[in-house]
Protein backbone atom coordinates (compact mmCIF):
# COMPACT_ATOMS: atom_id res chain seq x y z
CA UNK A 1 -29.84 21.87 -28.63
CA UNK A 2 -31.02 18.31 -28.10
CA UNK A 3 -27.86 16.40 -27.33
CA UNK A 4 -29.72 13.17 -26.56
CA UNK A 5 -30.91 12.86 -30.18
CA UNK A 6 -27.57 13.98 -31.57
CA UNK A 7 -25.63 11.46 -29.44
CA UNK A 8 -27.98 8.63 -30.45
CA UNK A 9 -27.02 9.19 -34.10
CA UNK A 10 -23.27 8.96 -33.50
CA UNK A 11 -21.29 5.97 -34.65
CA UNK A 12 -19.04 4.42 -31.99
CA UNK A 13 -15.98 5.53 -33.96
CA UNK A 14 -17.04 9.19 -33.78
CA UNK A 15 -16.83 9.42 -29.98
CA UNK A 16 -13.05 9.49 -29.95
CA UNK A 17 -12.92 12.20 -32.59
CA UNK A 18 -15.61 14.40 -31.00
CA UNK A 19 -14.97 13.88 -27.29
CA UNK A 20 -11.49 12.40 -27.05
CA UNK A 21 -12.73 9.18 -25.41
CA UNK A 22 -14.15 5.90 -26.76
CA UNK A 23 -17.91 5.22 -26.58
CA UNK A 24 -17.67 2.67 -23.71
CA UNK A 25 -15.84 5.26 -21.59
CA UNK A 26 -18.41 7.92 -22.47
CA UNK A 27 -21.25 5.55 -21.52
CA UNK A 28 -19.54 4.64 -18.24
CA UNK A 29 -19.03 8.31 -17.35
CA UNK A 30 -22.65 9.11 -18.17
CA UNK A 31 -23.89 6.21 -16.02
CA UNK A 32 -21.81 7.36 -13.03
CA UNK A 33 -23.00 10.95 -13.40
CA UNK A 34 -26.67 10.00 -13.76
CA UNK A 35 -26.49 7.83 -10.64
CA UNK A 36 -24.84 10.65 -8.67
CA UNK A 37 -27.38 13.19 -9.95
CA UNK A 38 -30.31 10.98 -8.90
CA UNK A 39 -28.76 10.49 -5.46
CA UNK A 40 -28.19 14.21 -5.08
CA UNK A 41 -31.76 15.08 -6.09
CA UNK A 42 -33.70 12.19 -4.56
CA UNK A 43 -35.40 14.62 -2.16
CA UNK A 44 -36.50 16.78 -5.08
CA UNK A 45 -35.46 20.30 -5.87
CA UNK A 46 -35.42 22.67 -8.75
CA UNK A 47 -34.63 21.06 -12.11
CA UNK A 48 -31.27 21.92 -13.62
CA UNK A 49 -31.10 23.95 -16.83
CA UNK A 50 -28.42 21.58 -18.05
CA UNK A 51 -29.01 17.84 -18.22
CA UNK A 52 -26.43 15.37 -16.97
CA UNK A 53 -25.62 14.57 -20.60
CA UNK A 54 -25.13 18.27 -21.34
CA UNK A 55 -22.79 18.61 -18.37
CA UNK A 56 -20.67 15.69 -19.57
CA UNK A 57 -20.49 17.05 -23.12
CA UNK A 58 -19.59 20.50 -21.79
CA UNK A 59 -16.75 19.14 -19.66
CA UNK A 60 -15.39 17.00 -22.50
CA UNK A 61 -15.64 19.91 -24.93
CA UNK A 62 -13.91 22.20 -22.48
CA UNK A 63 -10.91 19.88 -22.15
CA UNK A 64 -10.80 18.23 -25.59
CA UNK A 65 -11.43 21.29 -27.77
CA UNK A 66 -9.97 23.95 -25.45
CA UNK A 67 -13.15 25.99 -25.79
CA UNK A 68 -13.68 28.88 -23.43
CA UNK A 69 -16.45 28.74 -20.87
CA UNK A 70 -17.89 31.91 -22.37
CA UNK A 71 -18.08 30.25 -25.79
CA UNK A 72 -19.77 27.15 -24.37
CA UNK A 73 -22.18 29.32 -22.36
CA UNK A 74 -23.21 31.11 -25.54
CA UNK A 75 -23.94 27.81 -27.31
CA UNK A 76 -26.11 26.55 -24.44
CA UNK A 77 -27.78 29.87 -23.62
CA UNK A 78 -26.59 29.84 -20.02
CA UNK A 79 -24.19 31.91 -17.95
CA UNK A 80 -20.45 31.34 -17.82
CA UNK A 81 -20.74 30.52 -14.11
CA UNK A 82 -23.28 27.78 -14.86
CA UNK A 83 -20.79 26.23 -17.30
CA UNK A 84 -18.05 26.50 -14.66
CA UNK A 85 -20.32 24.79 -12.11
CA UNK A 86 -21.16 22.03 -14.61
CA UNK A 87 -17.49 21.33 -15.35
CA UNK A 88 -16.59 21.37 -11.66
CA UNK A 89 -19.46 19.05 -10.64
CA UNK A 90 -18.71 16.62 -13.46
CA UNK A 91 -15.00 16.50 -12.65
CA UNK A 92 -15.54 16.04 -8.92
CA UNK A 93 -18.19 13.37 -9.39
CA UNK A 94 -16.03 11.33 -11.77
CA UNK A 95 -12.93 11.68 -9.59
CA UNK A 96 -14.88 10.37 -6.57
CA UNK A 97 -15.62 7.20 -8.53
CA UNK A 98 -12.76 4.70 -8.43
CA UNK A 99 -12.96 4.08 -12.17
CA UNK A 100 -11.90 7.66 -12.94
CA UNK A 101 -9.86 8.63 -9.90
CA UNK A 102 -6.75 10.58 -10.85
CA UNK A 103 -5.21 10.23 -7.42
CA UNK A 104 -2.66 7.56 -6.69
CA UNK A 105 -3.22 5.55 -3.58
CA UNK A 106 -0.39 4.57 -1.34
CA UNK A 107 0.25 0.86 -1.00
């Protein structure tokens, strides 16, 4: 599944329907995740079976469509634990960024 080509063909209005967020938000999330991924792997390491884009789409699909991790794993040809790790990493990375922090700060 080549999500990069599929995403490039989407109209901006389709992002909300497919992912539950507008295109600018999707692009901002992707930018944050790509920056964090590069920082995490700047020393090298084994390449991930799931791209950063795949991880974002998996997390959004998991929450927006209420798909099971087993179902998503089947679609991507990976294990359920790899999907769980992708969702967890994506969530944690976005929460660390101030733009998507869910935590309230005390004044």
